[in-house]
Structures are given as structure tokens and as C-alpha cells.
mmCIF file of all heavy atoms, coordinates in Angstrom:
data_MODEL
# 
_entry.id   MODEL 
# 
loop_
_atom_site.group_PDB 
_atom_site.id 
_atom_site.type_symbol 
_atom_site.label_atom_id 
_atom_site.label_alt_id 
_atom_site.label_comp_id 
_atom_site.label_asym_id 
_atom_site.label_entity_id 
_atom_site.label_seq_id 
_atom_site.pdbx_PDB_ins_code 
_atom_site.Cartn_x 
_atom_site.Cartn_y 
_atom_site.Cartn_z 
_atom_site.occupancy 
_atom_site.B_iso_or_equiv 
_atom_site.pdbx_formal_charge 
_atom_site.auth_seq_id 
_atom_site.auth_comp_id 
_atom_site.auth_asym_id 
_atom_site.auth_atom_id 
_atom_site.pdbx_PDB_model_num 
ATOM 1   N N   . PRO A 1 1  ? 56.747 -35.571 -90.293 1.00 0.00 ? 1  PRO A N   1 
ATOM 2   C CA  . PRO A 1 1  ? 56.596 -34.904 -91.600 1.00 0.00 ? 1  PRO A CA  1 
ATOM 3   C C   . PRO A 1 1  ? 55.799 -35.685 -92.631 1.00 0.00 ? 1  PRO A C   1 
ATOM 4   O O   . PRO A 1 1  ? 55.336 -35.095 -93.611 1.00 0.00 ? 1  PRO A O   1 
ATOM 5   C CB  . PRO A 1 1  ? 58.046 -34.695 -92.043 1.00 0.00 ? 1  PRO A CB  1 
ATOM 6   C CG  . PRO A 1 1  ? 58.849 -35.694 -91.271 1.00 0.00 ? 1  PRO A CG  1 
ATOM 7   C CD  . PRO A 1 1  ? 58.151 -35.827 -89.949 1.00 0.00 ? 1  PRO A CD  1 
ATOM 8   N N   . ASP A 1 2  ? 55.637 -36.987 -92.450 1.00 0.00 ? 2  ASP A N   1 
ATOM 9   C CA  . ASP A 1 2  ? 54.887 -37.779 -93.421 1.00 0.00 ? 2  ASP A CA  1 
ATOM 10  C C   . ASP A 1 2  ? 53.427 -37.974 -93.016 1.00 0.00 ? 2  ASP A C   1 
ATOM 11  O O   . ASP A 1 2  ? 52.695 -38.724 -93.669 1.00 0.00 ? 2  ASP A O   1 
ATOM 12  C CB  . ASP A 1 2  ? 55.549 -39.144 -93.608 1.00 0.00 ? 2  ASP A CB  1 
ATOM 13  C CG  . ASP A 1 2  ? 56.935 -39.031 -94.222 1.00 0.00 ? 2  ASP A CG  1 
ATOM 14  O OD1 . ASP A 1 2  ? 57.128 -38.125 -95.058 1.00 0.00 ? 2  ASP A OD1 1 
ATOM 15  O OD2 . ASP A 1 2  ? 57.820 -39.822 -93.854 1.00 0.00 ? 2  ASP A OD2 1 
ATOM 16  N N   . GLU A 1 3  ? 53.004 -37.321 -91.941 1.00 0.00 ? 3  GLU A N   1 
ATOM 17  C CA  . GLU A 1 3  ? 51.637 -37.483 -91.453 1.00 0.00 ? 3  GLU A CA  1 
ATOM 18  C C   . GLU A 1 3  ? 50.856 -36.182 -91.612 1.00 0.00 ? 3  GLU A C   1 
ATOM 19  O O   . GLU A 1 3  ? 51.429 -35.094 -91.724 1.00 0.00 ? 3  GLU A O   1 
ATOM 20  C CB  . GLU A 1 3  ? 51.649 -37.911 -89.986 1.00 0.00 ? 3  GLU A CB  1 
ATOM 21  C CG  . GLU A 1 3  ? 52.348 -39.244 -89.739 1.00 0.00 ? 3  GLU A CG  1 
ATOM 22  C CD  . GLU A 1 3  ? 52.159 -39.747 -88.321 1.00 0.00 ? 3  GLU A CD  1 
ATOM 23  O OE1 . GLU A 1 3  ? 51.384 -39.124 -87.561 1.00 0.00 ? 3  GLU A OE1 1 
ATOM 24  O OE2 . GLU A 1 3  ? 52.768 -40.775 -87.977 1.00 0.00 ? 3  GLU A OE2 1 
ATOM 25  N N   . TYR A 1 4  ? 49.532 -36.297 -91.592 1.00 0.00 ? 4  TYR A N   1 
ATOM 26  C CA  . TYR A 1 4  ? 48.691 -35.106 -91.648 1.00 0.00 ? 4  TYR A CA  1 
ATOM 27  C C   . TYR A 1 4  ? 47.268 -35.465 -91.261 1.00 0.00 ? 4  TYR A C   1 
ATOM 28  O O   . TYR A 1 4  ? 46.858 -36.632 -91.279 1.00 0.00 ? 4  TYR A O   1 
ATOM 29  C CB  . TYR A 1 4  ? 48.706 -34.473 -93.052 1.00 0.00 ? 4  TYR A CB  1 
ATOM 30  C CG  . TYR A 1 4  ? 48.093 -35.326 -94.137 1.00 0.00 ? 4  TYR A CG  1 
ATOM 31  C CD1 . TYR A 1 4  ? 46.711 -35.338 -94.371 1.00 0.00 ? 4  TYR A CD1 1 
ATOM 32  C CD2 . TYR A 1 4  ? 48.897 -36.130 -94.957 1.00 0.00 ? 4  TYR A CD2 1 
ATOM 33  C CE1 . TYR A 1 4  ? 46.139 -36.113 -95.362 1.00 0.00 ? 4  TYR A CE1 1 
ATOM 34  C CE2 . TYR A 1 4  ? 48.327 -36.914 -95.957 1.00 0.00 ? 4  TYR A CE2 1 
ATOM 35  C CZ  . TYR A 1 4  ? 46.959 -36.903 -96.149 1.00 0.00 ? 4  TYR A CZ  1 
ATOM 36  O OH  . TYR A 1 4  ? 46.401 -37.676 -97.131 1.00 0.00 ? 4  TYR A OH  1 
ATOM 37  N N   . THR A 1 5  ? 46.513 -34.436 -90.914 1.00 0.00 ? 5  THR A N   1 
ATOM 38  C CA  . THR A 1 5  ? 45.064 -34.517 -90.790 1.00 0.00 ? 5  THR A CA  1 
ATOM 39  C C   . THR A 1 5  ? 44.477 -33.435 -91.687 1.00 0.00 ? 5  THR A C   1 
ATOM 40  O O   . THR A 1 5  ? 44.937 -32.292 -91.657 1.00 0.00 ? 5  THR A O   1 
ATOM 41  C CB  . THR A 1 5  ? 44.599 -34.302 -89.340 1.00 0.00 ? 5  THR A CB  1 
ATOM 42  O OG1 . THR A 1 5  ? 45.061 -35.382 -88.535 1.00 0.00 ? 5  THR A OG1 1 
ATOM 43  C CG2 . THR A 1 5  ? 43.072 -34.236 -89.262 1.00 0.00 ? 5  THR A CG2 1 
ATOM 44  N N   . GLU A 1 6  ? 43.482 -33.808 -92.478 1.00 0.00 ? 6  GLU A N   1 
ATOM 45  C CA  . GLU A 1 6  ? 42.890 -32.865 -93.425 1.00 0.00 ? 6  GLU A CA  1 
ATOM 46  C C   . GLU A 1 6  ? 41.386 -32.799 -93.212 1.00 0.00 ? 6  GLU A C   1 
ATOM 47  O O   . GLU A 1 6  ? 40.726 -33.833 -93.123 1.00 0.00 ? 6  GLU A O   1 
ATOM 48  C CB  . GLU A 1 6  ? 43.202 -33.314 -94.850 1.00 0.00 ? 6  GLU A CB  1 
ATOM 49  C CG  . GLU A 1 6  ? 42.814 -32.320 -95.921 1.00 0.00 ? 6  GLU A CG  1 
ATOM 50  C CD  . GLU A 1 6  ? 43.334 -32.740 -97.279 1.00 0.00 ? 6  GLU A CD  1 
ATOM 51  O OE1 . GLU A 1 6  ? 42.832 -33.742 -97.819 1.00 0.00 ? 6  GLU A OE1 1 
ATOM 52  O OE2 . GLU A 1 6  ? 44.252 -32.065 -97.787 1.00 0.00 ? 6  GLU A OE2 1 
ATOM 53  N N   . PHE A 1 7  ? 40.871 -31.590 -93.092 1.00 0.00 ? 7  PHE A N   1 
ATOM 54  C CA  . PHE A 1 7  ? 39.437 -31.354 -92.952 1.00 0.00 ? 7  PHE A CA  1 
ATOM 55  C C   . PHE A 1 7  ? 38.921 -30.718 -94.243 1.00 0.00 ? 7  PHE A C   1 
ATOM 56  O O   . PHE A 1 7  ? 39.477 -29.728 -94.722 1.00 0.00 ? 7  PHE A O   1 
ATOM 57  C CB  . PHE A 1 7  ? 39.146 -30.431 -91.780 1.00 0.00 ? 7  PHE A CB  1 
ATOM 58  C CG  . PHE A 1 7  ? 39.598 -30.981 -90.453 1.00 0.00 ? 7  PHE A CG  1 
ATOM 59  C CD1 . PHE A 1 7  ? 40.815 -30.602 -89.911 1.00 0.00 ? 7  PHE A CD1 1 
ATOM 60  C CD2 . PHE A 1 7  ? 38.813 -31.875 -89.756 1.00 0.00 ? 7  PHE A CD2 1 
ATOM 61  C CE1 . PHE A 1 7  ? 41.239 -31.104 -88.691 1.00 0.00 ? 7  PHE A CE1 1 
ATOM 62  C CE2 . PHE A 1 7  ? 39.229 -32.392 -88.533 1.00 0.00 ? 7  PHE A CE2 1 
ATOM 63  C CZ  . PHE A 1 7  ? 40.440 -32.009 -88.004 1.00 0.00 ? 7  PHE A CZ  1 
ATOM 64  N N   . ILE A 1 8  ? 37.842 -31.280 -94.789 1.00 0.00 ? 8  ILE A N   1 
ATOM 65  C CA  . ILE A 1 8  ? 37.279 -30.788 -96.039 1.00 0.00 ? 8  ILE A CA  1 
ATOM 66  C C   . ILE A 1 8  ? 35.805 -30.457 -95.812 1.00 0.00 ? 8  ILE A C   1 
ATOM 67  O O   . ILE A 1 8  ? 35.000 -31.335 -95.483 1.00 0.00 ? 8  ILE A O   1 
ATOM 68  C CB  . ILE A 1 8  ? 37.410 -31.829 -97.154 1.00 0.00 ? 8  ILE A CB  1 
ATOM 69  C CG1 . ILE A 1 8  ? 38.889 -32.204 -97.343 1.00 0.00 ? 8  ILE A CG1 1 
ATOM 70  C CG2 . ILE A 1 8  ? 36.824 -31.301 -98.458 1.00 0.00 ? 8  ILE A CG2 1 
ATOM 71  C CD1 . ILE A 1 8  ? 39.101 -33.386 -98.255 1.00 0.00 ? 8  ILE A CD1 1 
ATOM 72  N N   . TYR A 1 9  ? 35.467 -29.187 -95.986 1.00 0.00 ? 9  TYR A N   1 
ATOM 73  C CA  . TYR A 1 9  ? 34.087 -28.750 -95.827 1.00 0.00 ? 9  TYR A CA  1 
ATOM 74  C C   . TYR A 1 9  ? 33.242 -29.156 -97.019 1.00 0.00 ? 9  TYR A C   1 
ATOM 75  O O   . TYR A 1 9  ? 33.599 -28.875 -98.163 1.00 0.00 ? 9  TYR A O   1 
ATOM 76  C CB  . TYR A 1 9  ? 34.022 -27.221 -95.707 1.00 0.00 ? 9  TYR A CB  1 
ATOM 77  C CG  . TYR A 1 9  ? 34.362 -26.677 -94.355 1.00 0.00 ? 9  TYR A CG  1 
ATOM 78  C CD1 . TYR A 1 9  ? 35.689 -26.455 -94.008 1.00 0.00 ? 9  TYR A CD1 1 
ATOM 79  C CD2 . TYR A 1 9  ? 33.372 -26.384 -93.426 1.00 0.00 ? 9  TYR A CD2 1 
ATOM 80  C CE1 . TYR A 1 9  ? 36.016 -25.952 -92.767 1.00 0.00 ? 9  TYR A CE1 1 
ATOM 81  C CE2 . TYR A 1 9  ? 33.695 -25.879 -92.189 1.00 0.00 ? 9  TYR A CE2 1 
ATOM 82  C CZ  . TYR A 1 9  ? 35.018 -25.665 -91.863 1.00 0.00 ? 9  TYR A CZ  1 
ATOM 83  O OH  . TYR A 1 9  ? 35.346 -25.180 -90.633 1.00 0.00 ? 9  TYR A OH  1 
ATOM 84  N N   . GLU A 1 10 ? 32.115 -29.798 -96.746 1.00 0.00 ? 10 GLU A N   1 
ATOM 85  C CA  . GLU A 1 10 ? 31.121 -30.084 -97.780 1.00 0.00 ? 10 GLU A CA  1 
ATOM 86  C C   . GLU A 1 10 ? 29.977 -29.076 -97.722 1.00 0.00 ? 10 GLU A C   1 
ATOM 87  O O   . GLU A 1 10 ? 29.454 -28.665 -98.751 1.00 0.00 ? 10 GLU A O   1 
ATOM 88  C CB  . GLU A 1 10 ? 30.563 -31.491 -97.596 1.00 0.00 ? 10 GLU A CB  1 
ATOM 89  C CG  . GLU A 1 10 ? 31.614 -32.590 -97.730 1.00 0.00 ? 10 GLU A CG  1 
ATOM 90  C CD  . GLU A 1 10 ? 31.020 -33.953 -97.484 1.00 0.00 ? 10 GLU A CD  1 
ATOM 91  O OE1 . GLU A 1 10 ? 29.781 -34.113 -97.613 1.00 0.00 ? 10 GLU A OE1 1 
ATOM 92  O OE2 . GLU A 1 10 ? 31.777 -34.887 -97.147 1.00 0.00 ? 10 GLU A OE2 1 
ATOM 93  N N   . GLN A 1 11 ? 29.583 -28.695 -96.511 1.00 0.00 ? 11 GLN A N   1 
ATOM 94  C CA  . GLN A 1 11 ? 28.517 -27.721 -96.302 1.00 0.00 ? 11 GLN A CA  1 
ATOM 95  C C   . GLN A 1 11 ? 28.895 -26.818 -95.140 1.00 0.00 ? 11 GLN A C   1 
ATOM 96  O O   . GLN A 1 11 ? 29.598 -27.238 -94.212 1.00 0.00 ? 11 GLN A O   1 
ATOM 97  C CB  . GLN A 1 11 ? 27.188 -28.402 -95.952 1.00 0.00 ? 11 GLN A CB  1 
ATOM 98  C CG  . GLN A 1 11 ? 26.620 -29.326 -96.991 1.00 0.00 ? 11 GLN A CG  1 
ATOM 99  C CD  . GLN A 1 11 ? 25.308 -29.941 -96.522 1.00 0.00 ? 11 GLN A CD  1 
ATOM 100 O OE1 . GLN A 1 11 ? 24.454 -29.271 -95.924 1.00 0.00 ? 11 GLN A OE1 1 
ATOM 101 N NE2 . GLN A 1 11 ? 25.141 -31.227 -96.782 1.00 0.00 ? 11 GLN A NE2 1 
ATOM 102 N N   . LEU A 1 12 ? 28.421 -25.593 -95.177 1.00 0.00 ? 12 LEU A N   1 
ATOM 103 C CA  . LEU A 1 12 ? 28.579 -24.673 -94.057 1.00 0.00 ? 12 LEU A CA  1 
ATOM 104 C C   . LEU A 1 12 ? 27.426 -23.680 -94.062 1.00 0.00 ? 12 LEU A C   1 
ATOM 105 O O   . LEU A 1 12 ? 27.139 -23.061 -95.088 1.00 0.00 ? 12 LEU A O   1 
ATOM 106 C CB  . LEU A 1 12 ? 29.904 -23.911 -94.146 1.00 0.00 ? 12 LEU A CB  1 
ATOM 107 C CG  . LEU A 1 12 ? 30.146 -22.853 -93.064 1.00 0.00 ? 12 LEU A CG  1 
ATOM 108 C CD1 . LEU A 1 12 ? 30.259 -23.508 -91.687 1.00 0.00 ? 12 LEU A CD1 1 
ATOM 109 C CD2 . LEU A 1 12 ? 31.397 -22.034 -93.368 1.00 0.00 ? 12 LEU A CD2 1 
ATOM 110 N N   . LYS A 1 13 ? 26.753 -23.562 -92.931 1.00 0.00 ? 13 LYS A N   1 
ATOM 111 C CA  . LYS A 1 13 ? 25.696 -22.575 -92.747 1.00 0.00 ? 13 LYS A CA  1 
ATOM 112 C C   . LYS A 1 13 ? 26.013 -21.795 -91.480 1.00 0.00 ? 13 LYS A C   1 
ATOM 113 O O   . LYS A 1 13 ? 26.396 -22.383 -90.464 1.00 0.00 ? 13 LYS A O   1 
ATOM 114 C CB  . LYS A 1 13 ? 24.326 -23.249 -92.626 1.00 0.00 ? 13 LYS A CB  1 
ATOM 115 C CG  . LYS A 1 13 ? 23.905 -24.060 -93.848 1.00 0.00 ? 13 LYS A CG  1 
ATOM 116 C CD  . LYS A 1 13 ? 22.566 -24.747 -93.624 1.00 0.00 ? 13 LYS A CD  1 
ATOM 117 C CE  . LYS A 1 13 ? 22.166 -25.586 -94.824 1.00 0.00 ? 13 LYS A CE  1 
ATOM 118 N NZ  . LYS A 1 13 ? 20.864 -26.279 -94.598 1.00 0.00 ? 13 LYS A NZ  1 
ATOM 119 N N   . LEU A 1 14 ? 25.848 -20.485 -91.545 1.00 0.00 ? 14 LEU A N   1 
ATOM 120 C CA  . LEU A 1 14 ? 26.147 -19.626 -90.405 1.00 0.00 ? 14 LEU A CA  1 
ATOM 121 C C   . LEU A 1 14 ? 24.901 -18.865 -89.962 1.00 0.00 ? 14 LEU A C   1 
ATOM 122 O O   . LEU A 1 14 ? 24.001 -18.596 -90.752 1.00 0.00 ? 14 LEU A O   1 
ATOM 123 C CB  . LEU A 1 14 ? 27.246 -18.626 -90.765 1.00 0.00 ? 14 LEU A CB  1 
ATOM 124 C CG  . LEU A 1 14 ? 28.612 -19.203 -91.119 1.00 0.00 ? 14 LEU A CG  1 
ATOM 125 C CD1 . LEU A 1 14 ? 29.572 -18.093 -91.505 1.00 0.00 ? 14 LEU A CD1 1 
ATOM 126 C CD2 . LEU A 1 14 ? 29.188 -20.022 -89.971 1.00 0.00 ? 14 LEU A CD2 1 
ATOM 127 N N   . ASN A 1 15 ? 24.894 -18.538 -88.659 1.00 0.00 ? 15 ASN A N   1 
ATOM 128 C CA  . ASN A 1 15 ? 23.834 -17.700 -88.078 1.00 0.00 ? 15 ASN A CA  1 
ATOM 129 C C   . ASN A 1 15 ? 22.454 -18.298 -88.320 1.00 0.00 ? 15 ASN A C   1 
ATOM 130 O O   . ASN A 1 15 ? 21.542 -17.635 -88.828 1.00 0.00 ? 15 ASN A O   1 
ATOM 131 C CB  . ASN A 1 15 ? 23.928 -16.273 -88.629 1.00 0.00 ? 15 ASN A CB  1 
ATOM 132 C CG  . ASN A 1 15 ? 25.272 -15.643 -88.346 1.00 0.00 ? 15 ASN A CG  1 
ATOM 133 O OD1 . ASN A 1 15 ? 25.796 -15.759 -87.239 1.00 0.00 ? 15 ASN A OD1 1 
ATOM 134 N ND2 . ASN A 1 15 ? 25.852 -15.000 -89.330 1.00 0.00 ? 15 ASN A ND2 1 
ATOM 135 N N   . ILE A 1 16 ? 22.324 -19.562 -87.964 1.00 0.00 ? 16 ILE A N   1 
ATOM 136 C CA  . ILE A 1 16 ? 21.069 -20.280 -88.113 1.00 0.00 ? 16 ILE A CA  1 
ATOM 137 C C   . ILE A 1 16 ? 20.486 -20.569 -86.735 1.00 0.00 ? 16 ILE A C   1 
ATOM 138 O O   . ILE A 1 16 ? 21.208 -20.566 -85.727 1.00 0.00 ? 16 ILE A O   1 
ATOM 139 C CB  . ILE A 1 16 ? 21.292 -21.602 -88.872 1.00 0.00 ? 16 ILE A CB  1 
ATOM 140 C CG1 . ILE A 1 16 ? 22.301 -22.480 -88.123 1.00 0.00 ? 16 ILE A CG1 1 
ATOM 141 C CG2 . ILE A 1 16 ? 21.741 -21.340 -90.301 1.00 0.00 ? 16 ILE A CG2 1 
ATOM 142 C CD1 . ILE A 1 16 ? 22.484 -23.858 -88.709 1.00 0.00 ? 16 ILE A CD1 1 
ATOM 143 N N   . PRO A 1 17 ? 19.183 -20.818 -86.641 1.00 0.00 ? 17 PRO A N   1 
ATOM 144 C CA  . PRO A 1 17 ? 18.601 -21.156 -85.338 1.00 0.00 ? 17 PRO A CA  1 
ATOM 145 C C   . PRO A 1 17 ? 19.133 -22.510 -84.843 1.00 0.00 ? 17 PRO A C   1 
ATOM 146 O O   . PRO A 1 17 ? 19.040 -23.515 -85.550 1.00 0.00 ? 17 PRO A O   1 
ATOM 147 C CB  . PRO A 1 17 ? 17.098 -21.243 -85.628 1.00 0.00 ? 17 PRO A CB  1 
ATOM 148 C CG  . PRO A 1 17 ? 16.901 -20.496 -86.917 1.00 0.00 ? 17 PRO A CG  1 
ATOM 149 C CD  . PRO A 1 17 ? 18.157 -20.697 -87.699 1.00 0.00 ? 17 PRO A CD  1 
ATOM 150 N N   . VAL A 1 18 ? 19.709 -22.512 -83.652 1.00 0.00 ? 18 VAL A N   1 
ATOM 151 C CA  . VAL A 1 18 ? 20.188 -23.742 -83.021 1.00 0.00 ? 18 VAL A CA  1 
ATOM 152 C C   . VAL A 1 18 ? 19.760 -23.711 -81.560 1.00 0.00 ? 18 VAL A C   1 
ATOM 153 O O   . VAL A 1 18 ? 20.083 -22.769 -80.823 1.00 0.00 ? 18 VAL A O   1 
ATOM 154 C CB  . VAL A 1 18 ? 21.724 -23.885 -83.108 1.00 0.00 ? 18 VAL A CB  1 
ATOM 155 C CG1 . VAL A 1 18 ? 22.176 -25.179 -82.430 1.00 0.00 ? 18 VAL A CG1 1 
ATOM 156 C CG2 . VAL A 1 18 ? 22.190 -23.872 -84.557 1.00 0.00 ? 18 VAL A CG2 1 
ATOM 157 N N   . SER A 1 19 ? 19.060 -24.737 -81.129 1.00 0.00 ? 19 SER A N   1 
ATOM 158 C CA  . SER A 1 19 ? 18.560 -24.785 -79.760 1.00 0.00 ? 19 SER A CA  1 
ATOM 159 C C   . SER A 1 19 ? 19.680 -25.122 -78.783 1.00 0.00 ? 19 SER A C   1 
ATOM 160 O O   . SER A 1 19 ? 20.572 -25.927 -79.075 1.00 0.00 ? 19 SER A O   1 
ATOM 161 C CB  . SER A 1 19 ? 17.457 -25.843 -79.656 1.00 0.00 ? 19 SER A CB  1 
ATOM 162 O OG  . SER A 1 19 ? 17.099 -26.061 -78.306 1.00 0.00 ? 19 SER A OG  1 
ATOM 163 N N   . ASP A 1 20 ? 19.627 -24.524 -77.590 1.00 0.00 ? 20 ASP A N   1 
ATOM 164 C CA  . ASP A 1 20 ? 20.580 -24.872 -76.537 1.00 0.00 ? 20 ASP A CA  1 
ATOM 165 C C   . ASP A 1 20 ? 20.465 -26.339 -76.145 1.00 0.00 ? 20 ASP A C   1 
ATOM 166 O O   . ASP A 1 20 ? 21.428 -26.935 -75.642 1.00 0.00 ? 20 ASP A O   1 
ATOM 167 C CB  . ASP A 1 20 ? 20.338 -23.995 -75.296 1.00 0.00 ? 20 ASP A CB  1 
ATOM 168 C CG  . ASP A 1 20 ? 20.802 -22.567 -75.494 1.00 0.00 ? 20 ASP A CG  1 
ATOM 169 O OD1 . ASP A 1 20 ? 21.722 -22.349 -76.319 1.00 0.00 ? 20 ASP A OD1 1 
ATOM 170 O OD2 . ASP A 1 20 ? 20.256 -21.663 -74.836 1.00 0.00 ? 20 ASP A OD2 1 
ATOM 171 N N   . ALA A 1 21 ? 19.288 -26.922 -76.373 1.00 0.00 ? 21 ALA A N   1 
ATOM 172 C CA  . ALA A 1 21 ? 19.081 -28.332 -76.030 1.00 0.00 ? 21 ALA A CA  1 
ATOM 173 C C   . ALA A 1 21 ? 19.985 -29.257 -76.848 1.00 0.00 ? 21 ALA A C   1 
ATOM 174 O O   . ALA A 1 21 ? 20.233 -30.400 -76.429 1.00 0.00 ? 21 ALA A O   1 
ATOM 175 C CB  . ALA A 1 21 ? 17.623 -28.713 -76.241 1.00 0.00 ? 21 ALA A CB  1 
ATOM 176 N N   . MET A 1 22 ? 20.481 -28.772 -77.988 1.00 0.00 ? 22 MET A N   1 
ATOM 177 C CA  . MET A 1 22 ? 21.394 -29.567 -78.809 1.00 0.00 ? 22 MET A CA  1 
ATOM 178 C C   . MET A 1 22 ? 22.678 -29.894 -78.050 1.00 0.00 ? 22 MET A C   1 
ATOM 179 O O   . MET A 1 22 ? 23.305 -30.939 -78.273 1.00 0.00 ? 22 MET A O   1 
ATOM 180 C CB  . MET A 1 22 ? 21.720 -28.784 -80.082 1.00 0.00 ? 22 MET A CB  1 
ATOM 181 C CG  . MET A 1 22 ? 22.813 -29.368 -80.955 1.00 0.00 ? 22 MET A CG  1 
ATOM 182 S SD  . MET A 1 22 ? 22.331 -30.857 -81.835 1.00 0.00 ? 22 MET A SD  1 
ATOM 183 C CE  . MET A 1 22 ? 21.194 -30.139 -83.025 1.00 0.00 ? 22 MET A CE  1 
ATOM 184 N N   . PHE A 1 23 ? 23.061 -29.019 -77.108 1.00 0.00 ? 23 PHE A N   1 
ATOM 185 C CA  . PHE A 1 23 ? 24.369 -29.129 -76.454 1.00 0.00 ? 23 PHE A CA  1 
ATOM 186 C C   . PHE A 1 23 ? 24.256 -29.629 -75.016 1.00 0.00 ? 23 PHE A C   1 
ATOM 187 O O   . PHE A 1 23 ? 24.941 -29.147 -74.119 1.00 0.00 ? 23 PHE A O   1 
ATOM 188 C CB  . PHE A 1 23 ? 25.071 -27.773 -76.510 1.00 0.00 ? 23 PHE A CB  1 
ATOM 189 C CG  . PHE A 1 23 ? 25.132 -27.213 -77.903 1.00 0.00 ? 23 PHE A CG  1 
ATOM 190 C CD1 . PHE A 1 23 ? 24.227 -26.242 -78.312 1.00 0.00 ? 23 PHE A CD1 1 
ATOM 191 C CD2 . PHE A 1 23 ? 26.050 -27.681 -78.824 1.00 0.00 ? 23 PHE A CD2 1 
ATOM 192 C CE1 . PHE A 1 23 ? 24.260 -25.728 -79.592 1.00 0.00 ? 23 PHE A CE1 1 
ATOM 193 C CE2 . PHE A 1 23 ? 26.090 -27.182 -80.123 1.00 0.00 ? 23 PHE A CE2 1 
ATOM 194 C CZ  . PHE A 1 23 ? 25.193 -26.203 -80.510 1.00 0.00 ? 23 PHE A CZ  1 
ATOM 195 N N   . THR A 1 24 ? 23.399 -30.591 -74.805 1.00 0.00 ? 24 THR A N   1 
ATOM 196 C CA  . THR A 1 24 ? 23.228 -31.210 -73.492 1.00 0.00 ? 24 THR A CA  1 
ATOM 197 C C   . THR A 1 24 ? 23.567 -32.689 -73.593 1.00 0.00 ? 24 THR A C   1 
ATOM 198 O O   . THR A 1 24 ? 23.536 -33.286 -74.676 1.00 0.00 ? 24 THR A O   1 
ATOM 199 C CB  . THR A 1 24 ? 21.786 -31.054 -72.991 1.00 0.00 ? 24 THR A CB  1 
ATOM 200 O OG1 . THR A 1 24 ? 20.896 -31.761 -73.897 1.00 0.00 ? 24 THR A OG1 1 
ATOM 201 C CG2 . THR A 1 24 ? 21.374 -29.590 -72.930 1.00 0.00 ? 24 THR A CG2 1 
ATOM 202 N N   . LYS A 1 25 ? 23.871 -33.298 -72.457 1.00 0.00 ? 25 LYS A N   1 
ATOM 203 C CA  . LYS A 1 25 ? 24.197 -34.730 -72.445 1.00 0.00 ? 25 LYS A CA  1 
ATOM 204 C C   . LYS A 1 25 ? 23.009 -35.548 -72.940 1.00 0.00 ? 25 LYS A C   1 
ATOM 205 O O   . LYS A 1 25 ? 23.186 -36.596 -73.570 1.00 0.00 ? 25 LYS A O   1 
ATOM 206 C CB  . LYS A 1 25 ? 24.594 -35.153 -71.039 1.00 0.00 ? 25 LYS A CB  1 
ATOM 207 C CG  . LYS A 1 25 ? 25.954 -34.630 -70.608 1.00 0.00 ? 25 LYS A CG  1 
ATOM 208 C CD  . LYS A 1 25 ? 26.244 -34.968 -69.152 1.00 0.00 ? 25 LYS A CD  1 
ATOM 209 C CE  . LYS A 1 25 ? 26.353 -36.453 -68.934 1.00 0.00 ? 25 LYS A CE  1 
ATOM 210 N NZ  . LYS A 1 25 ? 26.678 -36.789 -67.525 1.00 0.00 ? 25 LYS A NZ  1 
ATOM 211 N N   . ALA A 1 26 ? 21.794 -35.064 -72.685 1.00 0.00 ? 26 ALA A N   1 
ATOM 212 C CA  . ALA A 1 26 ? 20.600 -35.807 -73.111 1.00 0.00 ? 26 ALA A CA  1 
ATOM 213 C C   . ALA A 1 26 ? 20.499 -35.902 -74.626 1.00 0.00 ? 26 ALA A C   1 
ATOM 214 O O   . ALA A 1 26 ? 19.863 -36.817 -75.154 1.00 0.00 ? 26 ALA A O   1 
ATOM 215 C CB  . ALA A 1 26 ? 19.345 -35.147 -72.536 1.00 0.00 ? 26 ALA A CB  1 
ATOM 216 N N   . SER A 1 27 ? 21.131 -34.971 -75.348 1.00 0.00 ? 27 SER A N   1 
ATOM 217 C CA  . SER A 1 27 ? 21.020 -34.962 -76.797 1.00 0.00 ? 27 SER A CA  1 
ATOM 218 C C   . SER A 1 27 ? 21.989 -35.936 -77.464 1.00 0.00 ? 27 SER A C   1 
ATOM 219 O O   . SER A 1 27 ? 21.868 -36.197 -78.670 1.00 0.00 ? 27 SER A O   1 
ATOM 220 C CB  . SER A 1 27 ? 21.301 -33.550 -77.338 1.00 0.00 ? 27 SER A CB  1 
ATOM 221 O OG  . SER A 1 27 ? 22.684 -33.251 -77.274 1.00 0.00 ? 27 SER A OG  1 
ATOM 222 N N   . LEU A 1 28 ? 22.920 -36.473 -76.727 1.00 0.00 ? 28 LEU A N   1 
ATOM 223 C CA  . LEU A 1 28 ? 23.992 -37.262 -77.344 1.00 0.00 ? 28 LEU A CA  1 
ATOM 224 C C   . LEU A 1 28 ? 23.504 -38.542 -77.992 1.00 0.00 ? 28 LEU A C   1 
ATOM 225 O O   . LEU A 1 28 ? 24.082 -39.026 -78.958 1.00 0.00 ? 28 LEU A O   1 
ATOM 226 C CB  . LEU A 1 28 ? 25.067 -37.592 -76.307 1.00 0.00 ? 28 LEU A CB  1 
ATOM 227 C CG  . LEU A 1 28 ? 25.783 -36.376 -75.679 1.00 0.00 ? 28 LEU A CG  1 
ATOM 228 C CD1 . LEU A 1 28 ? 26.883 -36.842 -74.748 1.00 0.00 ? 28 LEU A CD1 1 
ATOM 229 C CD2 . LEU A 1 28 ? 26.354 -35.454 -76.745 1.00 0.00 ? 28 LEU A CD2 1 
# 
């Protein structure tokens, strides 16, 4: 009860161009 994780959005963009190449091991 004394612990937590908090996520705070600073920016959010939706439905933008994102290449599939972003999600490959080579991109890491």
C-alpha cells in the first residue's frame, strides 16, 4: 500500500507515420 508507479504524459501524437523498421532488433 505504500508503493506505486506513476506515468506522466508530456507529449502524445496519434496516427502518425511510423516505419516498421522502427520495431526490429537492428533499430535497438
